[in-house]
């Protein structure tokens, strides 16, 4: 059974940083396309970043230069380092593996 557990969310001031983690079990992250998505209140869920099995990473335009996705195969975990956070980054952040496997989400709130 696939399980994705996100952690690392919280409340941060504008300009601050957070690092999200997605620990996977039941799959091997290096052979799945892994993605970070987010959903703000009243908005659709959107892709933030995704890494292919070959290690190519793509980012949404809104986070390019501020967010960095990475993968640790030894820990079977993917990360999302978020810097220079803005209030509009406030959302629930979800980890996704493959086409159908989602984590429970972690709340990120950027506010002064």
PDB file of N, CA and C in Angstrom:
ATOM      1  N   UNK A   1       0.847  -1.195   0.000  1.00  0.00           N
ATOM      2  CA  UNK A   1       0.000   0.000   0.000  1.00  0.00           C
ATOM      3  C   UNK A   1       0.885   1.248   0.000  1.00  0.00           C
ATOM      4  N   UNK A   2       0.550   2.160  -0.893  1.00  0.00           N
ATOM      5  CA  UNK A   2       1.334   3.383  -1.017  1.00  0.00           C
ATOM      6  C   UNK A   2       0.938   4.373   0.066  1.00  0.00           C
ATOM      7  N   UNK A   3       1.931   4.940   0.712  1.00  0.00           N
ATOM      8  CA  UNK A   3       1.675   5.976   1.712  1.00  0.00           C
ATOM      9  C   UNK A   3       2.672   7.105   1.503  1.00  0.00           C
ATOM     10  N   UNK A   4       2.142   8.331   1.442  1.00  0.00           N
ATOM     11  CA  UNK A   4       2.961   9.529   1.312  1.00  0.00           C
ATOM     12  C   UNK A   4       2.652  10.423   2.499  1.00  0.00           C
ATOM     13  N   UNK A   5       3.674  10.780   3.250  1.00  0.00           N
ATOM     14  CA  UNK A   5       3.471  11.580   4.456  1.00  0.00           C
ATOM     15  C   UNK A   5       4.251  12.879   4.316  1.00  0.00           C
ATOM     16  N   UNK A   6       3.506  13.977   4.204  1.00  0.00           N
ATOM     17  CA  UNK A   6       4.135  15.294   4.121  1.00  0.00           C
ATOM     18  C   UNK A   6       4.361  15.868   5.508  1.00  0.00           C
ATOM     19  N   UNK A   7       5.397  16.668   5.626  1.00  0.00           N
ATOM     20  CA  UNK A   7       5.667  17.382   6.867  1.00  0.00           C
ATOM     21  C   UNK A   7       6.453  18.651   6.548  1.00  0.00           C
ATOM     22  N   UNK A   8       6.539  19.535   7.540  1.00  0.00           N
ATOM     23  CA  UNK A   8       7.355  20.736   7.372  1.00  0.00           C
ATOM     24  C   UNK A   8       6.580  22.015   7.158  1.00  0.00           C
ATOM     25  N   UNK A   9       5.275  21.913   7.046  1.00  0.00           N
ATOM     26  CA  UNK A   9       4.494  23.124   6.871  1.00  0.00           C
ATOM     27  C   UNK A   9       4.422  23.931   8.156  1.00  0.00           C
ATOM     28  N   UNK A  10       3.834  25.113   8.044  1.00  0.00           N
ATOM     29  CA  UNK A  10       3.691  25.965   9.214  1.00  0.00           C
ATOM     30  C   UNK A  10       3.416  27.398   8.840  1.00  0.00           C
ATOM     31  N   UNK A  11       3.548  28.259   9.824  1.00  0.00           N
ATOM     32  CA  UNK A  11       3.347  29.699   9.648  1.00  0.00           C
ATOM     33  C   UNK A  11       4.705  30.380   9.528  1.00  0.00           C
ATOM     34  N   UNK A  12       4.866  31.193   8.499  1.00  0.00           N
ATOM     35  CA  UNK A  12       6.129  31.887   8.280  1.00  0.00           C
ATOM     36  C   UNK A  12       5.837  33.296   7.793  1.00  0.00           C
ATOM     37  N   UNK A  13       6.726  34.211   8.095  1.00  0.00           N
ATOM     38  CA  UNK A  13       6.556  35.590   7.649  1.00  0.00           C
ATOM     39  C   UNK A  13       6.967  35.718   6.175  1.00  0.00           C
ATOM     40  N   UNK A  14       6.431  36.701   5.486  1.00  0.00           N
ATOM     41  CA  UNK A  14       6.874  36.950   4.103  1.00  0.00           C
ATOM     42  C   UNK A  14       8.388  37.112   4.033  1.00  0.00           C
ATOM     43  N   UNK A  15       8.966  36.484   3.018  1.00  0.00           N
ATOM     44  CA  UNK A  15      10.414  36.490   2.877  1.00  0.00           C
ATOM     45  C   UNK A  15      11.103  35.327   3.559  1.00  0.00           C
ATOM     46  N   UNK A  16      10.363  34.578   4.345  1.00  0.00           N
ATOM     47  CA  UNK A  16      10.927  33.451   5.070  1.00  0.00           C
ATOM     48  C   UNK A  16      11.044  32.192   4.238  1.00  0.00           C
ATOM     49  N   UNK A  17      11.468  31.126   4.900  1.00  0.00           N
ATOM     50  CA  UNK A  17      11.701  29.851   4.220  1.00  0.00           C
ATOM     51  C   UNK A  17      11.090  28.696   4.995  1.00  0.00           C
ATOM     52  N   UNK A  18      10.739  27.669   4.256  1.00  0.00           N
ATOM     53  CA  UNK A  18      10.295  26.401   4.826  1.00  0.00           C
ATOM     54  C   UNK A  18      10.809  25.280   3.937  1.00  0.00           C
ATOM     55  N   UNK A  19      10.997  24.112   4.539  1.00  0.00           N
ATOM     56  CA  UNK A  19      11.323  22.938   3.738  1.00  0.00           C
ATOM     57  C   UNK A  19      10.286  21.856   4.013  1.00  0.00           C
ATOM     58  N   UNK A  20       9.599  21.457   2.956  1.00  0.00           N
ATOM     59  CA  UNK A  20       8.619  20.388   3.063  1.00  0.00           C
ATOM     60  C   UNK A  20       9.281  19.058   2.730  1.00  0.00           C
ATOM     61  N   UNK A  21       8.825  18.028   3.417  1.00  0.00           N
ATOM     62  CA  UNK A  21       9.295  16.674   3.152  1.00  0.00           C
ATOM     63  C   UNK A  21       8.115  15.780   2.804  1.00  0.00           C
ATOM     64  N   UNK A  22       8.364  14.810   1.960  1.00  0.00           N
ATOM     65  CA  UNK A  22       7.359  13.798   1.614  1.00  0.00           C
ATOM     66  C   UNK A  22       8.044  12.447   1.706  1.00  0.00           C
ATOM     67  N   UNK A  23       7.761  11.744   2.796  1.00  0.00           N
ATOM     68  CA  UNK A  23       8.329  10.427   3.010  1.00  0.00           C
ATOM     69  C   UNK A  23       7.398   9.374   2.412  1.00  0.00           C
ATOM     70  N   UNK A  24       7.951   8.534   1.563  1.00  0.00           N
ATOM     71  CA  UNK A  24       7.144   7.549   0.848  1.00  0.00           C
ATOM     72  C   UNK A  24       7.386   6.139   1.370  1.00  0.00           C
ATOM     73  N   UNK A  25       6.335   5.352   1.370  1.00  0.00           N
ATOM     74  CA  UNK A  25       6.424   3.929   1.645  1.00  0.00           C
ATOM     75  C   UNK A  25       5.511   3.206   0.662  1.00  0.00           C
ATOM     76  N   UNK A  26       5.887   1.985   0.338  1.00  0.00           N
ATOM     77  CA  UNK A  26       5.098   1.214  -0.617  1.00  0.00           C
ATOM     78  C   UNK A  26       5.466   1.459  -2.063  1.00  0.00           C
ATOM     79  N   UNK A  27       6.320   2.445  -2.287  1.00  0.00           N
ATOM     80  CA  UNK A  27       6.838   2.721  -3.624  1.00  0.00           C
ATOM     81  C   UNK A  27       8.298   3.111  -3.489  1.00  0.00           C
ATOM     82  N   UNK A  28       8.982   3.143  -4.609  1.00  0.00           N
ATOM     83  CA  UNK A  28      10.354   3.632  -4.660  1.00  0.00           C
ATOM     84  C   UNK A  28      10.329   4.943  -5.426  1.00  0.00           C
ATOM     85  N   UNK A  29      10.641   6.035  -4.756  1.00  0.00           N
ATOM     86  CA  UNK A  29      10.429   7.361  -5.355  1.00  0.00           C
ATOM     87  C   UNK A  29      11.264   7.557  -6.622  1.00  0.00           C
ATOM     88  N   UNK A  30      12.395   6.855  -6.723  1.00  0.00           N
ATOM     89  CA  UNK A  30      13.263   7.079  -7.874  1.00  0.00           C
ATOM     90  C   UNK A  30      12.681   6.524  -9.164  1.00  0.00           C
ATOM     91  N   UNK A  31      11.671   5.653  -9.071  1.00  0.00           N
ATOM     92  CA  UNK A  31      11.093   5.088 -10.285  1.00  0.00           C
ATOM     93  C   UNK A  31       9.671   5.582 -10.523  1.00  0.00           C
ATOM     94  N   UNK A  32       9.283   6.619  -9.790  1.00  0.00           N
ATOM     95  CA  UNK A  32       7.997   7.270  -9.983  1.00  0.00           C
ATOM     96  C   UNK A  32       8.229   8.746 -10.304  1.00  0.00           C
ATOM     97  N   UNK A  33       7.367   9.289 -11.131  1.00  0.00           N
ATOM     98  CA  UNK A  33       7.340  10.742 -11.226  1.00  0.00           C
ATOM     99  C   UNK A  33       6.702  11.271  -9.954  1.00  0.00           C
ATOM    100  N   UNK A  34       7.416  12.180  -9.284  1.00  0.00           N
ATOM    101  CA  UNK A  34       6.939  12.739  -8.022  1.00  0.00           C
ATOM    102  C   UNK A  34       6.636  14.218  -8.222  1.00  0.00           C
ATOM    103  N   UNK A  35       5.599  14.678  -7.556  1.00  0.00           N
ATOM    104  CA  UNK A  35       5.225  16.077  -7.720  1.00  0.00           C
ATOM    105  C   UNK A  35       4.782  16.716  -6.428  1.00  0.00           C
ATOM    106  N   UNK A  36       4.962  18.019  -6.366  1.00  0.00           N
ATOM    107  CA  UNK A  36       4.391  18.840  -5.300  1.00  0.00           C
ATOM    108  C   UNK A  36       3.290  19.700  -5.922  1.00  0.00           C
ATOM    109  N   UNK A  37       2.139  19.695  -5.288  1.00  0.00           N
ATOM    110  CA  UNK A  37       0.999  20.482  -5.721  1.00  0.00           C
ATOM    111  C   UNK A  37       0.547  21.342  -4.541  1.00  0.00           C
ATOM    112  N   UNK A  38      -0.238  22.358  -4.846  1.00  0.00           N
ATOM    113  CA  UNK A  38      -0.809  23.147  -3.762  1.00  0.00           C
ATOM    114  C   UNK A  38      -2.216  23.573  -4.111  1.00  0.00           C
ATOM    115  N   UNK A  39      -3.005  23.803  -3.072  1.00  0.00           N
ATOM    116  CA  UNK A  39      -4.383  24.256  -3.266  1.00  0.00           C
ATOM    117  C   UNK A  39      -4.689  25.324  -2.236  1.00  0.00           C
ATOM    118  N   UNK A  40      -4.956  26.512  -2.743  1.00  0.00           N
ATOM    119  CA  UNK A  40      -5.356  27.627  -1.889  1.00  0.00           C
ATOM    120  C   UNK A  40      -6.872  27.627  -1.755  1.00  0.00           C
ATOM    121  N   UNK A  41      -7.408  28.246  -0.704  1.00  0.00           N
ATOM    122  CA  UNK A  41      -8.862  28.288  -0.515  1.00  0.00           C
ATOM    123  C   UNK A  41      -9.565  28.881  -1.729  1.00  0.00           C
ATOM    124  N   UNK A  42     -10.558  28.179  -2.225  1.00  0.00           N
ATOM    125  CA  UNK A  42     -11.340  28.666  -3.349  1.00  0.00           C
ATOM    126  C   UNK A  42     -10.675  28.527  -4.701  1.00  0.00           C
ATOM    127  N   UNK A  43      -9.528  27.890  -4.721  1.00  0.00           N
ATOM    128  CA  UNK A  43      -8.809  27.737  -5.988  1.00  0.00           C
ATOM    129  C   UNK A  43      -8.586  26.260  -6.299  1.00  0.00           C
ATOM    130  N   UNK A  44      -8.277  26.000  -7.570  1.00  0.00           N
ATOM    131  CA  UNK A  44      -7.992  24.634  -7.975  1.00  0.00           C
ATOM    132  C   UNK A  44      -6.585  24.232  -7.541  1.00  0.00           C
ATOM    133  N   UNK A  45      -6.415  22.941  -7.383  1.00  0.00           N
ATOM    134  CA  UNK A  45      -5.092  22.422  -7.076  1.00  0.00           C
ATOM    135  C   UNK A  45      -4.189  22.646  -8.284  1.00  0.00           C
ATOM    136  N   UNK A  46      -2.961  23.090  -8.002  1.00  0.00           N
ATOM    137  CA  UNK A  46      -2.038  23.394  -9.090  1.00  0.00           C
ATOM    138  C   UNK A  46      -0.683  22.747  -8.846  1.00  0.00           C
ATOM    139  N   UNK A  47      -0.005  22.451  -9.949  1.00  0.00           N
ATOM    140  CA  UNK A  47       1.326  21.877  -9.872  1.00  0.00           C
ATOM    141  C   UNK A  47       2.324  22.950  -9.459  1.00  0.00           C
ATOM    142  N   UNK A  48       3.174  22.604  -8.510  1.00  0.00           N
ATOM    143  CA  UNK A  48       4.238  23.504  -8.074  1.00  0.00           C
ATOM    144  C   UNK A  48       5.570  23.071  -8.683  1.00  0.00           C
ATOM    145  N   UNK A  49       5.879  21.780  -8.551  1.00  0.00           N
ATOM    146  CA  UNK A  49       7.127  21.249  -9.090  1.00  0.00           C
ATOM    147  C   UNK A  49       6.976  19.749  -9.261  1.00  0.00           C
ATOM    148  N   UNK A  50       7.719  19.197 -10.215  1.00  0.00           N
ATOM    149  CA  UNK A  50       7.680  17.763 -10.442  1.00  0.00           C
ATOM    150  C   UNK A  50       9.052  17.294 -10.903  1.00  0.00           C
ATOM    151  N   UNK A  51       9.384  16.068 -10.499  1.00  0.00           N
ATOM    152  CA  UNK A  51      10.659  15.479 -10.892  1.00  0.00           C
ATOM    153  C   UNK A  51      10.380  14.176 -11.623  1.00  0.00           C
ATOM    154  N   UNK A  52      11.034  14.012 -12.770  1.00  0.00           N
ATOM    155  CA  UNK A  52      10.860  12.783 -13.535  1.00  0.00           C
ATOM    156  C   UNK A  52      11.767  11.688 -12.975  1.00  0.00           C
ATOM    157  N   UNK A  53      11.566  10.472 -13.461  1.00  0.00           N
ATOM    158  CA  UNK A  53      12.432   9.380 -13.021  1.00  0.00           C
ATOM    159  C   UNK A  53      13.883   9.631 -13.441  1.00  0.00           C
ATOM    160  N   UNK A  54      14.061  10.410 -14.490  1.00  0.00           N
ATOM    161  CA  UNK A  54      15.404  10.741 -14.936  1.00  0.00           C
ATOM    162  C   UNK A  54      16.029  11.908 -14.200  1.00  0.00           C
ATOM    163  N   UNK A  55      15.274  12.483 -13.259  1.00  0.00           N
ATOM    164  CA  UNK A  55      15.819  13.567 -12.454  1.00  0.00           C
ATOM    165  C   UNK A  55      15.601  14.957 -13.011  1.00  0.00           C
ATOM    166  N   UNK A  56      14.815  15.073 -14.072  1.00  0.00           N
ATOM    167  CA  UNK A  56      14.507  16.396 -14.610  1.00  0.00           C
ATOM    168  C   UNK A  56      13.410  17.025 -13.774  1.00  0.00           C
ATOM    169  N   UNK A  57      13.616  18.270 -13.386  1.00  0.00           N
ATOM    170  CA  UNK A  57      12.664  18.964 -12.519  1.00  0.00           C
ATOM    171  C   UNK A  57      12.068  20.137 -13.273  1.00  0.00           C
ATOM    172  N   UNK A  58      10.763  20.250 -13.194  1.00  0.00           N
ATOM    173  CA  UNK A  58      10.046  21.370 -13.774  1.00  0.00           C
ATOM    174  C   UNK A  58       9.304  22.127 -12.677  1.00  0.00           C
ATOM    175  N   UNK A  59       9.252  23.438 -12.837  1.00  0.00           N
ATOM    176  CA  UNK A  59       8.616  24.300 -11.835  1.00  0.00           C
ATOM    177  C   UNK A  59       7.529  25.149 -12.467  1.00  0.00           C
ATOM    178  N   UNK A  60       6.530  25.468 -11.663  1.00  0.00           N
ATOM    179  CA  UNK A  60       5.562  26.466 -12.084  1.00  0.00           C
ATOM    180  C   UNK A  60       6.264  27.813 -12.181  1.00  0.00           C
ATOM    181  N   UNK A  61       5.830  28.630 -13.122  1.00  0.00           N
ATOM    182  CA  UNK A  61       6.462  29.940 -13.302  1.00  0.00           C
ATOM    183  C   UNK A  61       6.433  30.769 -12.018  1.00  0.00           C
ATOM    184  N   UNK A  62       5.379  30.606 -11.245  1.00  0.00           N
ATOM    185  CA  UNK A  62       5.199  31.427 -10.047  1.00  0.00           C
ATOM    186  C   UNK A  62       6.218  31.137  -8.952  1.00  0.00           C
ATOM    187  N   UNK A  63       6.900  29.993  -9.046  1.00  0.00           N
ATOM    188  CA  UNK A  63       7.851  29.625  -7.984  1.00  0.00           C
ATOM    189  C   UNK A  63       9.291  29.501  -8.486  1.00  0.00           C
ATOM    190  N   UNK A  64       9.498  29.649  -9.787  1.00  0.00           N
ATOM    191  CA  UNK A  64      10.850  29.523 -10.338  1.00  0.00           C
ATOM    192  C   UNK A  64      11.797  30.508  -9.673  1.00  0.00           C
ATOM    193  N   UNK A  65      12.965  30.017  -9.298  1.00  0.00           N
ATOM    194  CA  UNK A  65      13.962  30.859  -8.661  1.00  0.00           C
ATOM    195  C   UNK A  65      13.790  30.975  -7.155  1.00  0.00           C
ATOM    196  N   UNK A  66      12.655  30.516  -6.639  1.00  0.00           N
ATOM    197  CA  UNK A  66      12.410  30.587  -5.192  1.00  0.00           C
ATOM    198  C   UNK A  66      12.301  29.204  -4.548  1.00  0.00           C
ATOM    199  N   UNK A  67      11.729  28.251  -5.274  1.00  0.00           N
ATOM    200  CA  UNK A  67      11.515  26.905  -4.747  1.00  0.00           C
ATOM    201  C   UNK A  67      12.481  25.934  -5.424  1.00  0.00           C
ATOM    202  N   UNK A  68      12.907  24.939  -4.651  1.00  0.00           N
ATOM    203  CA  UNK A  68      13.784  23.900  -5.184  1.00  0.00           C
ATOM    204  C   UNK A  68      13.278  22.542  -4.731  1.00  0.00           C
ATOM    205  N   UNK A  69      13.024  21.689  -5.700  1.00  0.00           N
ATOM    206  CA  UNK A  69      12.612  20.320  -5.397  1.00  0.00           C
ATOM    207  C   UNK A  69      13.826  19.413  -5.491  1.00  0.00           C
ATOM    208  N   UNK A  70      13.868  18.427  -4.579  1.00  0.00           N
ATOM    209  CA  UNK A  70      14.969  17.469  -4.609  1.00  0.00           C
ATOM    210  C   UNK A  70      14.463  16.103  -4.182  1.00  0.00           C
ATOM    211  N   UNK A  71      15.285  15.106  -4.398  1.00  0.00           N
ATOM    212  CA  UNK A  71      14.915  13.720  -4.095  1.00  0.00           C
ATOM    213  C   UNK A  71      16.097  13.032  -3.432  1.00  0.00           C
ATOM    214  N   UNK A  72      15.831  12.344  -2.344  1.00  0.00           N
ATOM    215  CA  UNK A  72      16.853  11.555  -1.650  1.00  0.00           C
ATOM    216  C   UNK A  72      16.463  10.096  -1.776  1.00  0.00           C
ATOM    217  N   UNK A  73      17.114   9.397  -2.683  1.00  0.00           N
ATOM    218  CA  UNK A  73      16.730   8.008  -2.939  1.00  0.00           C
ATOM    219  C   UNK A  73      17.000   7.118  -1.724  1.00  0.00           C
ATOM    220  N   UNK A  74      18.049   7.401  -0.985  1.00  0.00           N
ATOM    221  CA  UNK A  74      18.378   6.583   0.179  1.00  0.00           C
ATOM    222  C   UNK A  74      17.297   6.672   1.257  1.00  0.00           C
ATOM    223  N   UNK A  75      16.701   7.860   1.372  1.00  0.00           N
ATOM    224  CA  UNK A  75      15.647   8.058   2.378  1.00  0.00           C
ATOM    225  C   UNK A  75      14.258   7.865   1.786  1.00  0.00           C
ATOM    226  N   UNK A  76      14.194   7.621   0.474  1.00  0.00           N
ATOM    227  CA  UNK A  76      12.909   7.448  -0.214  1.00  0.00           C
ATOM    228  C   UNK A  76      11.984   8.633   0.059  1.00  0.00           C
ATOM    229  N   UNK A  77      12.552   9.811  -0.041  1.00  0.00           N
ATOM    230  CA  UNK A  77      11.862  11.054   0.331  1.00  0.00           C
ATOM    231  C   UNK A  77      12.133  12.127  -0.714  1.00  0.00           C
ATOM    232  N   UNK A  78      11.119  12.936  -0.960  1.00  0.00           N
ATOM    233  CA  UNK A  78      11.305  14.124  -1.787  1.00  0.00           C
ATOM    234  C   UNK A  78      11.082  15.364  -0.933  1.00  0.00           C
ATOM    235  N   UNK A  79      11.704  16.440  -1.347  1.00  0.00           N
ATOM    236  CA  UNK A  79      11.669  17.674  -0.574  1.00  0.00           C
ATOM    237  C   UNK A  79      11.262  18.846  -1.461  1.00  0.00           C
ATOM    238  N   UNK A  80      10.776  19.882  -0.802  1.00  0.00           N
ATOM    239  CA  UNK A  80      10.518  21.136  -1.490  1.00  0.00           C
ATOM    240  C   UNK A  80      11.052  22.251  -0.600  1.00  0.00           C
ATOM    241  N   UNK A  81      12.172  22.818  -0.991  1.00  0.00           N
ATOM    242  CA  UNK A  81      12.739  23.955  -0.277  1.00  0.00           C
ATOM    243  C   UNK A  81      12.094  25.223  -0.819  1.00  0.00           C
ATOM    244  N   UNK A  82      11.477  25.979   0.057  1.00  0.00           N
ATOM    245  CA  UNK A  82      10.744  27.173  -0.352  1.00  0.00           C
ATOM    246  C   UNK A  82      11.387  28.394   0.299  1.00  0.00           C
ATOM    247  N   UNK A  83      11.911  29.270  -0.527  1.00  0.00           N
ATOM    248  CA  UNK A  83      12.547  30.500  -0.054  1.00  0.00           C
ATOM    249  C   UNK A  83      11.771  31.712  -0.551  1.00  0.00           C
ATOM    250  N   UNK A  84      12.043  32.850   0.046  1.00  0.00           N
ATOM    251  CA  UNK A  84      11.403  34.107  -0.356  1.00  0.00           C
ATOM    252  C   UNK A  84       9.894  33.940  -0.451  1.00  0.00           C
ATOM    253  N   UNK A  85       9.331  33.353   0.563  1.00  0.00           N
ATOM    254  CA  UNK A  85       7.895  33.053   0.539  1.00  0.00           C
ATOM    255  C   UNK A  85       7.058  34.319   0.513  1.00  0.00           C
ATOM    256  N   UNK A  86       5.940  34.221  -0.194  1.00  0.00           N
ATOM    257  CA  UNK A  86       5.013  35.329  -0.352  1.00  0.00           C
ATOM    258  C   UNK A  86       3.645  34.937   0.202  1.00  0.00           C
ATOM    259  N   UNK A  87       2.831  35.901   0.562  1.00  0.00           N
ATOM    260  CA  UNK A  87       1.481  35.557   1.044  1.00  0.00           C
ATOM    261  C   UNK A  87       0.699  34.708   0.042  1.00  0.00           C
ATOM    262  N   UNK A  88       0.924  34.923  -1.235  1.00  0.00           N
ATOM    263  CA  UNK A  88       0.198  34.138  -2.237  1.00  0.00           C
ATOM    264  C   UNK A  88       0.675  32.693  -2.326  1.00  0.00           C
ATOM    265  N   UNK A  89       1.708  32.334  -1.606  1.00  0.00           N
ATOM    266  CA  UNK A  89       2.135  30.937  -1.523  1.00  0.00           C
ATOM    267  C   UNK A  89       1.323  30.162  -0.479  1.00  0.00           C
ATOM    268  N   UNK A  90       0.492  30.862   0.265  1.00  0.00           N
ATOM    269  CA  UNK A  90      -0.336  30.206   1.277  1.00  0.00           C
ATOM    270  C   UNK A  90      -1.264  29.193   0.637  1.00  0.00           C
ATOM    271  N   UNK A  91      -1.190  27.954   1.112  1.00  0.00           N
ATOM    272  CA  UNK A  91      -1.992  26.870   0.541  1.00  0.00           C
ATOM    273  C   UNK A  91      -1.721  25.596   1.329  1.00  0.00           C
ATOM    274  N   UNK A  92      -2.519  24.584   1.043  1.00  0.00           N
ATOM    275  CA  UNK A  92      -2.183  23.235   1.478  1.00  0.00           C
ATOM    276  C   UNK A  92      -1.314  22.619   0.386  1.00  0.00           C
ATOM    277  N   UNK A  93      -0.169  22.099   0.773  1.00  0.00           N
ATOM    278  CA  UNK A  93       0.770  21.501  -0.164  1.00  0.00           C
ATOM    279  C   UNK A  93       0.671  19.981  -0.091  1.00  0.00           C
ATOM    280  N   UNK A  94       0.564  19.379  -1.273  1.00  0.00           N
ATOM    281  CA  UNK A  94       0.391  17.940  -1.380  1.00  0.00           C
ATOM    282  C   UNK A  94       1.543  17.317  -2.168  1.00  0.00           C
ATOM    283  N   UNK A  95       1.889  16.122  -1.775  1.00  0.00           N
ATOM    284  CA  UNK A  95       2.854  15.309  -2.500  1.00  0.00           C
ATOM    285  C   UNK A  95       2.080  14.295  -3.347  1.00  0.00           C
ATOM    286  N   UNK A  96       2.572  14.036  -4.544  1.00  0.00           N
ATOM    287  CA  UNK A  96       1.923  13.079  -5.434  1.00  0.00           C
ATOM    288  C   UNK A  96       2.973  12.146  -6.016  1.00  0.00           C
ATOM    289  N   UNK A  97       2.621  10.878  -6.098  1.00  0.00           N
ATOM    290  CA  UNK A  97       3.492   9.877  -6.710  1.00  0.00           C
ATOM    291  C   UNK A  97       2.744   9.206  -7.854  1.00  0.00           C
ATOM    292  N   UNK A  98       3.349   9.246  -9.014  1.00  0.00           N
ATOM    293  CA  UNK A  98       2.699   8.649 -10.165  1.00  0.00           C
ATOM    294  C   UNK A  98       1.430   9.410 -10.532  1.00  0.00           C
ATOM    295  N   UNK A  99       0.417   8.675 -10.953  1.00  0.00           N
ATOM    296  CA  UNK A  99      -0.813   9.323 -11.428  1.00  0.00           C
ATOM    297  C   UNK A  99      -1.871   9.468 -10.351  1.00  0.00           C
ATOM    298  N   UNK A 100      -1.835   8.579  -9.338  1.00  0.00           N
ATOM    299  CA  UNK A 100      -3.014   8.525  -8.461  1.00  0.00           C
ATOM    300  C   UNK A 100      -2.721   8.605  -6.966  1.00  0.00           C
ATOM    301  N   UNK A 101      -1.482   8.627  -6.574  1.00  0.00           N
ATOM    302  CA  UNK A 101      -1.166   8.511  -5.147  1.00  0.00           C
ATOM    303  C   UNK A 101      -0.870   9.877  -4.539  1.00  0.00           C
ATOM    304  N   UNK A 102      -1.681  10.259  -3.545  1.00  0.00           N
ATOM    305  CA  UNK A 102      -1.578  11.577  -2.914  1.00  0.00           C
ATOM    306  C   UNK A 102      -1.314  11.443  -1.422  1.00  0.00           C
ATOM    307  N   UNK A 103      -0.582  12.401  -0.897  1.00  0.00           N
ATOM    308  CA  UNK A 103      -0.452  12.524   0.540  1.00  0.00           C
ATOM    309  C   UNK A 103      -1.629  13.275   1.122  1.00  0.00           C
ATOM    310  N   UNK A 104      -1.592  13.469   2.438  1.00  0.00           N
ATOM    311  CA  UNK A 104      -2.710  14.110   3.119  1.00  0.00           C
ATOM    312  C   UNK A 104      -2.610  15.635   3.105  1.00  0.00           C
ATOM    313  N   UNK A 105      -1.445  16.142   2.764  1.00  0.00           N
ATOM    314  CA  UNK A 105      -1.248  17.583   2.673  1.00  0.00           C
ATOM    315  C   UNK A 105      -0.691  18.191   3.947  1.00  0.00           C
ATOM    316  N   UNK A 106      -0.003  19.311   3.769  1.00  0.00           N
ATOM    317  CA  UNK A 106       0.524  20.077   4.903  1.00  0.00           C
ATOM    318  C   UNK A 106       0.263  21.556   4.638  1.00  0.00           C
ATOM    319  N   UNK A 107      -0.205  22.253   5.660  1.00  0.00           N
ATOM    320  CA  UNK A 107      -0.596  23.652   5.495  1.00  0.00           C
ATOM    321  C   UNK A 107       0.630  24.556   5.554  1.00  0.00           C
ATOM    322  N   UNK A 108       0.719  25.455   4.596  1.00  0.00           N
ATOM    323  CA  UNK A 108       1.727  26.516   4.597  1.00  0.00           C
ATOM    324  C   UNK A 108       0.999  27.842   4.620  1.00  0.00           C
ATOM    325  N   UNK A 109       1.303  28.654   5.621  1.00  0.00           N
ATOM    326  CA  UNK A 109       0.689  29.970   5.746  1.00  0.00           C
ATOM    327  C   UNK A 109       1.781  31.027   5.801  1.00  0.00           C
ATOM    328  N   UNK A 110       1.720  31.967   4.875  1.00  0.00           N
ATOM    329  CA  UNK A 110       2.704  33.042   4.820  1.00  0.00           C
ATOM    330  C   UNK A 110       1.982  34.331   5.185  1.00  0.00           C
ATOM    331  N   UNK A 111       2.320  34.848   6.350  1.00  0.00           N
ATOM    332  CA  UNK A 111       1.615  36.018   6.853  1.00  0.00           C
ATOM    333  C   UNK A 111       2.464  36.730   7.892  1.00  0.00           C
ATOM    334  N   UNK A 112       2.302  38.040   7.952  1.00  0.00           N
ATOM    335  CA  UNK A 112       2.997  38.816   8.976  1.00  0.00           C
ATOM    336  C   UNK A 112       2.092  39.024  10.183  1.00  0.00           C
TER     337      UNK A 112
END
